Amino acid sequence: MRTKQIKAIINKILRPPSWVTALLILISGVLLYAVFNMKLEGTALAYTAYPISAYTLIVFIIYLPTLLKKIKNKLSKTWVVQKIYGSPLGQRFFKDMAFRNTASIYQGIAVSVLYALFRGVAAVVYGSVWFGAISVYYIILSVIRFALAGNLRAARKQETAAQRLIKEYQGYRFCGYMMFILNVGMTGMVIQMIRDNRHYEYPGFIIYASAAYTFYLAIAATVNVFKLKRLNSPLFSAAKSLTFVGALMSVMALQTAMISRFGEGEEIFRQVLNTATGTVICALALGIAVYMVVKANKEIKELRYKEEEFYG
């Protein structure tokens, strides 16, 4: 069988028609609901539901960009979007990528604050230290984003391009330092959770809210990889890193919720999975923070040296 034929077959498997994708989502939802709500784990139905659900998730993730593009095209034709696009602010938002990504930083602040408040209220209501730690984590992420926005305004006031870049890299470095400090605290929480093999009881609606927020961050992190790279801005890169690290932490929080909800009695499985996920996430977050500080110091040193040479 030729390579082209193999690719065509794989493409058909991973990119079925839209109606097939919708049907798969419906079937997977029904099967998983039956397995988890009727206590059918370990049965033939469960072993059928898991691979179908995994395949559905892969297909949906691949289809997601196409779906978002279709939604975007339809929304762009509505009178509301046309009205916004016709205004000066709307035109700037749609045509100026730097302005749009600056707005996205403030959007990230708003979403993080709301999620932090949600977790904080849940921590008080359910007396959960873990919920409280997550709330504090996202509050600090919001503060870092707010500081990045301040650095962005300060950078634009600089007289030369070199001075603007130096100011941006200073904000980039500050973000790295804050992420390092934040990661140290969260690593301690994760180590304690793994060591004591703790699990936390999550009400159903918190799982759904956590899943929705994780999904939002995953999409935002993916989009940022492609969009912000073209701007060549350290501060926008820092915002991208914050979104990615926030997504990692959200995955960890969601995992603990899922295991707590659906993995009763699976102490060994919980400890192994939390150890693996926690180690990877904390190592990645630490690596990103160290890289940001080292890169910023190097770039600031080079820019100052070039500026001194140019101005004598």
C-alpha atoms as a PDB file:
ATOM      1  CA  MET A   1       0.000   0.000   0.000  1.00  0.00           C
ATOM      2  CA  ARG A   2       1.365   3.402  -0.996  1.00  0.00           C
ATOM      3  CA  THR A   3       2.095   6.216   1.440  1.00  0.00           C
ATOM      4  CA  LYS A   4      -0.619   8.407  -0.119  1.00  0.00           C
ATOM      5  CA  GLN A   5      -3.218   5.681   0.337  1.00  0.00           C
ATOM      6  CA  ILE A   6      -2.213   5.178   3.976  1.00  0.00           C
ATOM      7  CA  LYS A   7      -2.455   8.943   4.595  1.00  0.00           C
ATOM      8  CA  ALA A   8      -5.868   9.024   2.928  1.00  0.00           C
ATOM      9  CA  ILE A   9      -7.135   6.184   5.140  1.00  0.00           C
ATOM     10  CA  ILE A  10      -5.781   7.830   8.310  1.00  0.00           C
ATOM     11  CA  ASN A  11      -7.316  11.134   7.246  1.00  0.00           C
ATOM     12  CA  LYS A  12     -10.729   9.484   6.780  1.00  0.00           C
ATOM     13  CA  ILE A  13     -10.459   7.831  10.192  1.00  0.00           C
ATOM     14  CA  LEU A  14      -9.381  10.997  12.031  1.00  0.00           C
ATOM     15  CA  ARG A  15     -11.511  13.424   9.997  1.00  0.00           C
ATOM     16  CA  PRO A  16     -14.943  11.843   9.571  1.00  0.00           C
ATOM     17  CA  PRO A  17     -17.911  13.944   8.328  1.00  0.00           C
ATOM     18  CA  SER A  18     -19.388  16.473  10.750  1.00  0.00           C
ATOM     19  CA  TRP A  19     -22.513  14.387  11.332  1.00  0.00           C
ATOM     20  CA  VAL A  20     -20.364  11.381  12.289  1.00  0.00           C
ATOM     21  CA  THR A  21     -18.430  13.506  14.795  1.00  0.00           C
ATOM     22  CA  ALA A  22     -21.696  14.749  16.314  1.00  0.00           C
ATOM     23  CA  LEU A  23     -23.003  11.168  16.514  1.00  0.00           C
ATOM     24  CA  LEU A  24     -19.786   9.990  18.193  1.00  0.00           C
ATOM     25  CA  ILE A  25     -20.085  12.743  20.813  1.00  0.00           C
ATOM     26  CA  LEU A  26     -23.672  11.732  21.533  1.00  0.00           C
ATOM     27  CA  ILE A  27     -22.820   8.005  21.776  1.00  0.00           C
ATOM     28  CA  SER A  28     -19.769   8.648  23.986  1.00  0.00           C
ATOM     29  CA  GLY A  29     -21.787  10.887  26.307  1.00  0.00           C
ATOM     30  CA  VAL A  30     -24.543   8.285  26.713  1.00  0.00           C
ATOM     31  CA  LEU A  31     -22.064   5.436  27.274  1.00  0.00           C
ATOM     32  CA  LEU A  32     -19.988   7.345  29.847  1.00  0.00           C
ATOM     33  CA  TYR A  33     -23.126   8.502  31.655  1.00  0.00           C
ATOM     34  CA  ALA A  34     -24.322   4.898  31.869  1.00  0.00           C
ATOM     35  CA  VAL A  35     -20.940   3.596  33.068  1.00  0.00           C
ATOM     36  CA  PHE A  36     -20.383   6.173  35.803  1.00  0.00           C
ATOM     37  CA  ASN A  37     -23.948   6.676  37.009  1.00  0.00           C
ATOM     38  CA  MET A  38     -24.962   2.996  36.942  1.00  0.00           C
ATOM     39  CA  LYS A  39     -21.698   1.809  38.573  1.00  0.00           C
ATOM     40  CA  LEU A  40     -20.720  -0.320  35.564  1.00  0.00           C
ATOM     41  CA  GLU A  41     -16.947   0.174  35.808  1.00  0.00           C
ATOM     42  CA  GLY A  42     -15.073  -3.011  34.916  1.00  0.00           C
ATOM     43  CA  THR A  43     -17.896  -4.344  32.727  1.00  0.00           C
ATOM     44  CA  ALA A  44     -17.934  -4.983  28.980  1.00  0.00           C
ATOM     45  CA  LEU A  45     -19.863  -1.755  28.498  1.00  0.00           C
ATOM     46  CA  ALA A  46     -17.120   0.219  30.230  1.00  0.00           C
ATOM     47  CA  TYR A  47     -14.377  -1.381  28.124  1.00  0.00           C
ATOM     48  CA  THR A  48     -16.398  -0.459  25.044  1.00  0.00           C
ATOM     49  CA  ALA A  49     -17.088   3.098  26.207  1.00  0.00           C
ATOM     50  CA  TYR A  50     -13.478   4.016  27.039  1.00  0.00           C
ATOM     51  CA  PRO A  51     -11.895   3.456  23.580  1.00  0.00           C
ATOM     52  CA  ILE A  52     -14.902   5.000  21.809  1.00  0.00           C
ATOM     53  CA  SER A  53     -14.650   8.057  24.068  1.00  0.00           C
ATOM     54  CA  ALA A  54     -10.880   8.316  23.511  1.00  0.00           C
ATOM     55  CA  TYR A  55     -11.375   8.128  19.729  1.00  0.00           C
ATOM     56  CA  THR A  56     -14.168  10.714  19.927  1.00  0.00           C
ATOM     57  CA  LEU A  57     -11.945  13.091  21.893  1.00  0.00           C
ATOM     58  CA  ILE A  58      -9.159  12.801  19.293  1.00  0.00           C
ATOM     59  CA  VAL A  59     -11.600  13.355  16.419  1.00  0.00           C
ATOM     60  CA  PHE A  60     -13.197  16.340  18.173  1.00  0.00           C
ATOM     61  CA  ILE A  61      -9.818  17.996  18.905  1.00  0.00           C
ATOM     62  CA  ILE A  62      -8.819  17.625  15.245  1.00  0.00           C
ATOM     63  CA  TYR A  63     -12.206  18.952  14.120  1.00  0.00           C
ATOM     64  CA  LEU A  64     -12.190  21.857  16.589  1.00  0.00           C
ATOM     65  CA  PRO A  65     -10.226  24.366  14.417  1.00  0.00           C
ATOM     66  CA  THR A  66     -12.650  23.745  11.529  1.00  0.00           C
ATOM     67  CA  LEU A  67     -15.618  24.148  13.856  1.00  0.00           C
ATOM     68  CA  LEU A  68     -14.268  27.387  15.312  1.00  0.00           C
ATOM     69  CA  LYS A  69     -13.606  28.711  11.807  1.00  0.00           C
ATOM     70  CA  LYS A  70     -17.194  27.937  10.781  1.00  0.00           C
ATOM     71  CA  ILE A  71     -18.550  29.638  13.906  1.00  0.00           C
ATOM     72  CA  LYS A  72     -16.289  32.641  13.289  1.00  0.00           C
ATOM     73  CA  ASN A  73     -17.465  32.950   9.670  1.00  0.00           C
ATOM     74  CA  LYS A  74     -21.127  32.779  10.684  1.00  0.00           C
ATOM     75  CA  LEU A  75     -20.680  35.282  13.516  1.00  0.00           C
ATOM     76  CA  SER A  76     -18.821  37.683  11.220  1.00  0.00           C
ATOM     77  CA  LYS A  77     -21.957  37.935   9.046  1.00  0.00           C
ATOM     78  CA  THR A  78     -24.285  38.846  11.923  1.00  0.00           C
ATOM     79  CA  TRP A  79     -25.431  42.457  12.243  1.00  0.00           C
ATOM     80  CA  VAL A  80     -23.871  42.769  15.722  1.00  0.00           C
ATOM     81  CA  VAL A  81     -20.347  41.919  14.498  1.00  0.00           C
ATOM     82  CA  GLN A  82     -20.846  44.060  11.378  1.00  0.00           C
ATOM     83  CA  LYS A  83     -21.811  46.971  13.619  1.00  0.00           C
ATOM     84  CA  ILE A  84     -18.738  46.449  15.831  1.00  0.00           C
ATOM     85  CA  TYR A  85     -16.488  46.068  12.795  1.00  0.00           C
ATOM     86  CA  GLY A  86     -17.805  49.354  11.415  1.00  0.00           C
ATOM     87  CA  SER A  87     -16.758  51.311  14.514  1.00  0.00           C
ATOM     88  CA  PRO A  88     -13.198  52.751  14.913  1.00  0.00           C
ATOM     89  CA  LEU A  89     -12.525  50.628  18.010  1.00  0.00           C
ATOM     90  CA  GLY A  90     -13.866  47.512  16.286  1.00  0.00           C
ATOM     91  CA  GLN A  91     -11.693  48.049  13.221  1.00  0.00           C
ATOM     92  CA  ARG A  92      -8.644  48.480  15.422  1.00  0.00           C
ATOM     93  CA  PHE A  93      -9.500  45.317  17.345  1.00  0.00           C
ATOM     94  CA  PHE A  94      -9.902  43.191  14.215  1.00  0.00           C
ATOM     95  CA  LYS A  95      -6.967  44.653  12.239  1.00  0.00           C
ATOM     96  CA  ASP A  96      -4.352  45.439  14.927  1.00  0.00           C
ATOM     97  CA  MET A  97      -2.986  42.173  16.332  1.00  0.00           C
ATOM     98  CA  ALA A  98      -0.930  43.905  19.030  1.00  0.00           C
ATOM     99  CA  PHE A  99      -4.026  45.774  20.279  1.00  0.00           C
ATOM    100  CA  ARG A 100      -6.080  42.560  20.162  1.00  0.00           C
ATOM    101  CA  ASN A 101      -3.500  40.615  22.154  1.00  0.00           C
ATOM    102  CA  THR A 102      -3.229  43.435  24.694  1.00  0.00           C
ATOM    103  CA  ALA A 103      -6.993  43.124  25.146  1.00  0.00           C
ATOM    104  CA  SER A 104      -6.562  39.355  25.544  1.00  0.00           C
ATOM    105  CA  ILE A 105      -4.235  39.953  28.527  1.00  0.00           C
ATOM    106  CA  TYR A 106      -7.018  41.878  30.286  1.00  0.00           C
ATOM    107  CA  GLN A 107      -9.487  39.173  29.271  1.00  0.00           C
ATOM    108  CA  GLY A 108      -7.162  36.607  30.861  1.00  0.00           C
ATOM    109  CA  ILE A 109      -7.055  38.699  34.039  1.00  0.00           C
ATOM    110  CA  ALA A 110     -10.852  38.831  34.218  1.00  0.00           C
ATOM    111  CA  VAL A 111     -11.310  35.091  33.629  1.00  0.00           C
ATOM    112  CA  SER A 112      -8.558  34.164  36.120  1.00  0.00           C
ATOM    113  CA  VAL A 113     -10.034  36.422  38.807  1.00  0.00           C
ATOM    114  CA  LEU A 114     -13.524  34.979  38.317  1.00  0.00           C
ATOM    115  CA  TYR A 115     -12.200  31.409  38.482  1.00  0.00           C
ATOM    116  CA  ALA A 116     -10.077  32.238  41.536  1.00  0.00           C
ATOM    117  CA  LEU A 117     -13.158  33.694  43.273  1.00  0.00           C
ATOM    118  CA  PHE A 118     -15.157  30.593  42.347  1.00  0.00           C
ATOM    119  CA  ARG A 119     -12.478  28.354  43.850  1.00  0.00           C
ATOM    120  CA  GLY A 120     -12.181  30.608  46.903  1.00  0.00           C
ATOM    121  CA  VAL A 121     -15.906  30.417  47.606  1.00  0.00           C
ATOM    122  CA  ALA A 122     -15.777  26.628  47.132  1.00  0.00           C
ATOM    123  CA  ALA A 123     -12.828  26.473  49.578  1.00  0.00           C
ATOM    124  CA  VAL A 124     -14.857  28.275  52.257  1.00  0.00           C
ATOM    125  CA  VAL A 125     -18.089  26.350  51.633  1.00  0.00           C
ATOM    126  CA  TYR A 126     -16.437  22.896  51.591  1.00  0.00           C
ATOM    127  CA  GLY A 127     -13.560  23.656  53.994  1.00  0.00           C
ATOM    128  CA  SER A 128     -10.987  22.554  51.401  1.00  0.00           C
ATOM    129  CA  VAL A 129      -7.331  23.596  51.713  1.00  0.00           C
ATOM    130  CA  TRP A 130      -6.719  22.316  48.168  1.00  0.00           C
ATOM    131  CA  PHE A 131      -9.456  24.563  46.745  1.00  0.00           C
ATOM    132  CA  GLY A 132      -7.963  27.483  48.688  1.00  0.00           C
ATOM    133  CA  ALA A 133      -4.476  26.785  47.309  1.00  0.00           C
ATOM    134  CA  ILE A 134      -5.811  26.692  43.748  1.00  0.00           C
ATOM    135  CA  SER A 135      -7.678  29.957  44.352  1.00  0.00           C
ATOM    136  CA  VAL A 136      -4.499  31.664  45.602  1.00  0.00           C
ATOM    137  CA  TYR A 137      -2.588  30.235  42.618  1.00  0.00           C
ATOM    138  CA  TYR A 138      -4.932  31.851  40.101  1.00  0.00           C
ATOM    139  CA  ILE A 139      -5.081  35.121  42.040  1.00  0.00           C
ATOM    140  CA  ILE A 140      -1.281  35.366  41.800  1.00  0.00           C
ATOM    141  CA  LEU A 141      -1.450  34.513  38.093  1.00  0.00           C
ATOM    142  CA  SER A 142      -3.916  37.396  37.698  1.00  0.00           C
ATOM    143  CA  VAL A 143      -1.568  39.761  39.569  1.00  0.00           C
ATOM    144  CA  ILE A 144       1.321  38.720  37.291  1.00  0.00           C
ATOM    145  CA  ARG A 145      -0.838  39.344  34.206  1.00  0.00           C
ATOM    146  CA  PHE A 146      -1.801  42.761  35.572  1.00  0.00           C
ATOM    147  CA  ALA A 147       1.908  43.555  36.093  1.00  0.00           C
ATOM    148  CA  LEU A 148       2.587  42.477  32.491  1.00  0.00           C
ATOM    149  CA  ALA A 149      -0.077  44.896  31.255  1.00  0.00           C
ATOM    150  CA  GLY A 150       1.628  47.680  33.266  1.00  0.00           C
ATOM    151  CA  ASN A 151       5.010  46.774  31.775  1.00  0.00           C
ATOM    152  CA  LEU A 152       3.471  46.849  28.299  1.00  0.00           C
ATOM    153  CA  ARG A 153       2.221  50.413  28.845  1.00  0.00           C
ATOM    154  CA  ALA A 154       5.615  51.458  30.255  1.00  0.00           C
ATOM    155  CA  ALA A 155       7.489  49.865  27.337  1.00  0.00           C
ATOM    156  CA  ARG A 156       5.464  51.823  24.778  1.00  0.00           C
ATOM    157  CA  LYS A 157       6.506  55.092  26.436  1.00  0.00           C
ATOM    158  CA  GLN A 158      10.224  54.429  25.836  1.00  0.00           C
ATOM    159  CA  GLU A 159      11.997  56.560  23.243  1.00  0.00           C
ATOM    160  CA  THR A 160      13.987  53.927  21.335  1.00  0.00           C
ATOM    161  CA  ALA A 161      13.254  50.395  20.142  1.00  0.00           C
ATOM    162  CA  ALA A 162      16.150  49.065  22.266  1.00  0.00           C
ATOM    163  CA  GLN A 163      14.766  50.735  25.393  1.00  0.00           C
ATOM    164  CA  ARG A 164      11.313  49.303  24.669  1.00  0.00           C
ATOM    165  CA  LEU A 165      12.757  45.817  24.328  1.00  0.00           C
ATOM    166  CA  ILE A 166      14.772  46.208  27.543  1.00  0.00           C
ATOM    167  CA  LYS A 167      11.611  47.257  29.383  1.00  0.00           C
ATOM    168  CA  GLU A 168       9.712  44.310  27.910  1.00  0.00           C
ATOM    169  CA  TYR A 169      12.443  41.850  28.901  1.00  0.00           C
ATOM    170  CA  GLN A 170      12.423  43.275  32.431  1.00  0.00           C
ATOM    171  CA  GLY A 171       8.717  42.451  32.617  1.00  0.00           C
ATOM    172  CA  TYR A 172       9.443  39.047  31.059  1.00  0.00           C
ATOM    173  CA  ARG A 173      12.085  38.399  33.745  1.00  0.00           C
ATOM    174  CA  PHE A 174       9.754  39.539  36.546  1.00  0.00           C
ATOM    175  CA  CYS A 175       7.165  37.079  35.234  1.00  0.00           C
ATOM    176  CA  GLY A 176       9.787  34.303  35.335  1.00  0.00           C
ATOM    177  CA  TYR A 177      10.740  35.120  38.956  1.00  0.00           C
ATOM    178  CA  MET A 178       7.086  35.164  40.039  1.00  0.00           C
ATOM    179  CA  MET A 179       6.372  31.889  38.259  1.00  0.00           C
ATOM    180  CA  PHE A 180       9.371  30.324  39.997  1.00  0.00           C
ATOM    181  CA  ILE A 181       8.136  31.425  43.445  1.00  0.00           C
ATOM    182  CA  LEU A 182       4.594  30.326  42.615  1.00  0.00           C
ATOM    183  CA  ASN A 183       5.808  26.943  41.398  1.00  0.00           C
ATOM    184  CA  VAL A 184       7.792  26.327  44.599  1.00  0.00           C
ATOM    185  CA  GLY A 185       4.619  26.720  46.670  1.00  0.00           C
ATOM    186  CA  MET A 186       2.512  24.543  44.388  1.00  0.00           C
ATOM    187  CA  THR A 187       5.236  21.886  44.211  1.00  0.00           C
ATOM    188  CA  GLY A 188       5.093  21.677  48.012  1.00  0.00           C
ATOM    189  CA  MET A 189       1.312  21.195  47.876  1.00  0.00           C
ATOM    190  CA  VAL A 190       1.617  18.509  45.185  1.00  0.00           C
ATOM    191  CA  ILE A 191       4.375  16.668  47.089  1.00  0.00           C
ATOM    192  CA  GLN A 192       2.245  16.672  50.251  1.00  0.00           C
ATOM    193  CA  MET A 193      -0.749  15.388  48.300  1.00  0.00           C
ATOM    194  CA  ILE A 194       1.316  12.575  46.730  1.00  0.00           C
ATOM    195  CA  ARG A 195       3.095  11.663  49.976  1.00  0.00           C
ATOM    196  CA  ASP A 196      -0.114  11.413  51.989  1.00  0.00           C
ATOM    197  CA  ASN A 197      -2.047  10.025  48.988  1.00  0.00           C
ATOM    198  CA  ARG A 198      -4.787  12.548  49.656  1.00  0.00           C
ATOM    199  CA  HIS A 199      -7.933  12.862  47.635  1.00  0.00           C
ATOM    200  CA  TYR A 200     -10.471  15.643  47.655  1.00  0.00           C
ATOM    201  CA  GLU A 201     -14.225  15.262  47.330  1.00  0.00           C
ATOM    202  CA  TYR A 202     -15.566  17.418  44.524  1.00  0.00           C
ATOM    203  CA  PRO A 203     -19.263  18.176  43.985  1.00  0.00           C
ATOM    204  CA  GLY A 204     -20.331  17.448  40.408  1.00  0.00           C
ATOM    205  CA  PHE A 205     -20.761  21.091  39.344  1.00  0.00           C
ATOM    206  CA  ILE A 206     -17.155  21.911  40.380  1.00  0.00           C
ATOM    207  CA  ILE A 207     -15.879  19.120  38.127  1.00  0.00           C
ATOM    208  CA  TYR A 208     -17.816  20.574  35.202  1.00  0.00           C
ATOM    209  CA  ALA A 209     -16.575  24.104  35.952  1.00  0.00           C
ATOM    210  CA  SER A 210     -12.974  22.817  36.226  1.00  0.00           C
ATOM    211  CA  ALA A 211     -13.335  20.920  32.946  1.00  0.00           C
ATOM    212  CA  ALA A 212     -14.743  24.012  31.196  1.00  0.00           C
ATOM    213  CA  TYR A 213     -11.914  26.212  32.492  1.00  0.00           C
ATOM    214  CA  THR A 214      -9.284  23.624  31.540  1.00  0.00           C
ATOM    215  CA  PHE A 215     -10.788  23.421  28.061  1.00  0.00           C
ATOM    216  CA  TYR A 216     -10.736  27.234  27.776  1.00  0.00           C
ATOM    217  CA  LEU A 217      -7.069  27.446  28.833  1.00  0.00           C
ATOM    218  CA  ALA A 218      -6.045  24.611  26.494  1.00  0.00           C
ATOM    219  CA  ILE A 219      -7.647  26.418  23.533  1.00  0.00           C
ATOM    220  CA  ALA A 220      -6.134  29.773  24.578  1.00  0.00           C
ATOM    221  CA  ALA A 221      -2.664  28.242  24.983  1.00  0.00           C
ATOM    222  CA  THR A 222      -2.889  26.551  21.566  1.00  0.00           C
ATOM    223  CA  VAL A 223      -4.059  29.718  19.819  1.00  0.00           C
ATOM    224  CA  ASN A 224      -1.346  31.794  21.511  1.00  0.00           C
ATOM    225  CA  VAL A 225       1.407  29.499  20.222  1.00  0.00           C
ATOM    226  CA  PHE A 226       0.567  30.511  16.648  1.00  0.00           C
ATOM    227  CA  LYS A 227      -0.631  34.104  17.126  1.00  0.00           C
ATOM    228  CA  LEU A 228       1.840  35.628  19.579  1.00  0.00           C
ATOM    229  CA  LYS A 229       4.907  34.126  17.927  1.00  0.00           C
ATOM    230  CA  ARG A 230       4.520  36.553  14.999  1.00  0.00           C
ATOM    231  CA  LEU A 231       4.613  39.646  17.242  1.00  0.00           C
ATOM    232  CA  ASN A 232       8.155  39.074  18.525  1.00  0.00           C
ATOM    233  CA  SER A 233       7.231  40.622  21.882  1.00  0.00           C
ATOM    234  CA  PRO A 234       8.728  39.316  25.160  1.00  0.00           C
ATOM    235  CA  LEU A 235       5.696  40.492  27.140  1.00  0.00           C
ATOM    236  CA  PHE A 236       3.224  38.713  24.876  1.00  0.00           C
ATOM    237  CA  SER A 237       5.468  35.626  25.098  1.00  0.00           C
ATOM    238  CA  ALA A 238       5.278  35.919  28.893  1.00  0.00           C
ATOM    239  CA  ALA A 239       1.476  36.072  28.674  1.00  0.00           C
ATOM    240  CA  LYS A 240       1.565  32.944  26.510  1.00  0.00           C
ATOM    241  CA  SER A 241       3.731  31.168  29.106  1.00  0.00           C
ATOM    242  CA  LEU A 242       1.339  32.167  31.895  1.00  0.00           C
ATOM    243  CA  THR A 243      -1.616  30.746  29.982  1.00  0.00           C
ATOM    244  CA  PHE A 244       0.273  27.514  29.353  1.00  0.00           C
ATOM    245  CA  VAL A 245       1.336  27.124  33.002  1.00  0.00           C
ATOM    246  CA  GLY A 246      -2.212  27.925  34.125  1.00  0.00           C
ATOM    247  CA  ALA A 247      -3.467  25.199  31.787  1.00  0.00           C
ATOM    248  CA  LEU A 248      -1.001  22.710  33.315  1.00  0.00           C
ATOM    249  CA  MET A 249      -2.200  23.494  36.824  1.00  0.00           C
ATOM    250  CA  SER A 250      -5.802  23.240  35.699  1.00  0.00           C
ATOM    251  CA  VAL A 251      -5.100  19.768  34.276  1.00  0.00           C
ATOM    252  CA  MET A 252      -3.721  18.689  37.653  1.00  0.00           C
ATOM    253  CA  ALA A 253      -6.760  20.083  39.473  1.00  0.00           C
ATOM    254  CA  LEU A 254      -9.135  18.419  37.010  1.00  0.00           C
ATOM    255  CA  GLN A 255      -7.329  15.093  37.348  1.00  0.00           C
ATOM    256  CA  THR A 256      -7.718  15.103  41.129  1.00  0.00           C
ATOM    257  CA  ALA A 257     -11.409  15.920  40.652  1.00  0.00           C
ATOM    258  CA  MET A 258     -11.972  13.084  38.159  1.00  0.00           C
ATOM    259  CA  ILE A 259     -10.135  10.490  40.261  1.00  0.00           C
ATOM    260  CA  SER A 260     -11.937  11.594  43.412  1.00  0.00           C
ATOM    261  CA  ARG A 261     -15.313  11.388  41.659  1.00  0.00           C
ATOM    262  CA  PHE A 262     -14.897   8.231  39.610  1.00  0.00           C
ATOM    263  CA  GLY A 263     -11.966   6.347  41.151  1.00  0.00           C
ATOM    264  CA  GLU A 264     -13.092   5.414  44.641  1.00  0.00           C
ATOM    265  CA  GLY A 265     -10.921   2.731  46.204  1.00  0.00           C
ATOM    266  CA  GLU A 266      -8.162   3.141  43.589  1.00  0.00           C
ATOM    267  CA  GLU A 267      -5.511   4.381  46.038  1.00  0.00           C
ATOM    268  CA  ILE A 268      -2.486   2.953  44.196  1.00  0.00           C
ATOM    269  CA  PHE A 269      -3.742   4.168  40.812  1.00  0.00           C
ATOM    270  CA  ARG A 270      -4.412   7.633  42.267  1.00  0.00           C
ATOM    271  CA  GLN A 271      -0.950   7.900  43.812  1.00  0.00           C
ATOM    272  CA  VAL A 272       0.857   6.701  40.673  1.00  0.00           C
ATOM    273  CA  LEU A 273      -1.099   9.005  38.354  1.00  0.00           C
ATOM    274  CA  ASN A 274      -0.801  12.030  40.651  1.00  0.00           C
ATOM    275  CA  THR A 275       2.942  11.387  41.017  1.00  0.00           C
ATOM    276  CA  ALA A 276       3.459  11.169  37.250  1.00  0.00           C
ATOM    277  CA  THR A 277       1.275  14.165  36.374  1.00  0.00           C
ATOM    278  CA  GLY A 278       2.483  16.307  39.290  1.00  0.00           C
ATOM    279  CA  THR A 279       6.161  15.628  38.508  1.00  0.00           C
ATOM    280  CA  VAL A 280       5.768  16.488  34.821  1.00  0.00           C
ATOM    281  CA  ILE A 281       3.732  19.634  35.473  1.00  0.00           C
ATOM    282  CA  CYS A 282       5.981  21.010  38.221  1.00  0.00           C
ATOM    283  CA  ALA A 283       9.125  20.232  36.187  1.00  0.00           C
ATOM    284  CA  LEU A 284       7.694  21.938  33.091  1.00  0.00           C
ATOM    285  CA  ALA A 285       6.598  25.023  35.054  1.00  0.00           C
ATOM    286  CA  LEU A 286      10.001  25.247  36.760  1.00  0.00           C
ATOM    287  CA  GLY A 287      11.825  24.824  33.444  1.00  0.00           C
ATOM    288  CA  ILE A 288       9.749  27.597  31.836  1.00  0.00           C
ATOM    289  CA  ALA A 289      10.410  29.969  34.763  1.00  0.00           C
ATOM    290  CA  VAL A 290      14.178  29.340  34.725  1.00  0.00           C
ATOM    291  CA  TYR A 291      14.312  29.705  30.924  1.00  0.00           C
ATOM    292  CA  MET A 292      12.485  33.050  31.093  1.00  0.00           C
ATOM    293  CA  VAL A 293      14.876  34.480  33.709  1.00  0.00           C
ATOM    294  CA  VAL A 294      18.026  33.259  31.923  1.00  0.00           C
ATOM    295  CA  LYS A 295      16.826  34.438  28.501  1.00  0.00           C
ATOM    296  CA  ALA A 296      15.764  37.859  29.846  1.00  0.00           C
ATOM    297  CA  ASN A 297      19.121  38.429  31.580  1.00  0.00           C
ATOM    298  CA  LYS A 298      21.005  37.491  28.415  1.00  0.00           C
ATOM    299  CA  GLU A 299      18.881  39.688  26.130  1.00  0.00           C
ATOM    300  CA  ILE A 300      18.972  42.703  28.480  1.00  0.00           C
ATOM    301  CA  LYS A 301      22.761  42.457  28.733  1.00  0.00           C
ATOM    302  CA  GLU A 302      23.151  42.299  24.931  1.00  0.00           C
ATOM    303  CA  LEU A 303      20.702  45.151  24.294  1.00  0.00           C
ATOM    304  CA  ARG A 304      22.418  47.430  26.823  1.00  0.00           C
ATOM    305  CA  TYR A 305      25.808  46.618  25.338  1.00  0.00           C
ATOM    306  CA  LYS A 306      24.574  47.464  21.800  1.00  0.00           C
ATOM    307  CA  GLU A 307      22.934  50.652  23.031  1.00  0.00           C
ATOM    308  CA  GLU A 308      26.150  51.778  24.777  1.00  0.00           C
ATOM    309  CA  GLU A 309      28.136  51.074  21.602  1.00  0.00           C
ATOM    310  CA  PHE A 310      25.660  53.005  19.441  1.00  0.00           C
ATOM    311  CA  TYR A 311      25.437  56.070  21.685  1.00  0.00           C
ATOM    312  CA  GLY A 312      29.081  55.840  22.790  1.00  0.00           C
END
